[in-house]
Amino acid sequence: MPKHQTIFIFILVLISLSFTACYEEEKKVESSKILLTGKPSETHYNLAQEHLLQGEYQEALTAHFKQLEEDLKYYEDDSLEIALSYNDIGFVYTELKDYDKALVYYKKTMTIDNLRLDINSTERATTYFNVASVYAELKNYDEAIGYYQKAFNIDKQVLKVYDEEQLLYYEALAEMYEKASKMKDSLEYRKKALAFQEHGYGKED
């Protein structure tokens, strides 16, 4: 290979390495967020709760987004505090019946839960239950069943044998299996729900 071609290729390699180094440094700067110390004000959260009590869901949503903006000044993007903010937003979208957006924010919560919480954390079960409920509203019954099962598999480890929360799972799963045209599975959970009710309230005459 001629000497001038070798030099040209060498220069191109150096330029390429230089651009790569600059890009990596830029990514580091972007990812190194400077956080404020202390705790964020909860003014917007409290305002959101007041709006929820009044059934003012759009106003509550606006307040929750403002609280999220405030929280992000103090907490890492993947912190449990931010997960709670996402969960609050998901809840309000559910109340507004905007289920696609609710699912987006519940799944943001789930992503952080999976990163930060123990595999059998009841907080993870709550998020799974919320996701399942939204899938049920979207008539995606197979997904709803899957997430209800995930939630139940965690919760049943801490629930008492005849805790009423178990009945909630039995009835939800029975309904989802029925809507998914899986009648055998639906019947199985109907029987479990009936056995639970008979134990708690006695057999009906």
Foldseek 3Di string as FASTA:
>chain_A
DDPVVVVVVVVVVVVVVVVVVVVVVVVVVVQDQDADDDAFDCVLVVVLVVCVVVVNLVSSLVSLVVVLVRRVNHDPCLDLVNLVSLQSNLVSCVSVVVLVSSLVSLVSSLVSCVVPHDQLDLVNLVSLQSNLVSCVSVVVLVSSLVSLVSSCVSVVVPDDPLDVVVLVSLQSNLVSCVSVVNNVRSVVSVVVNVVSCCVVPNDDD
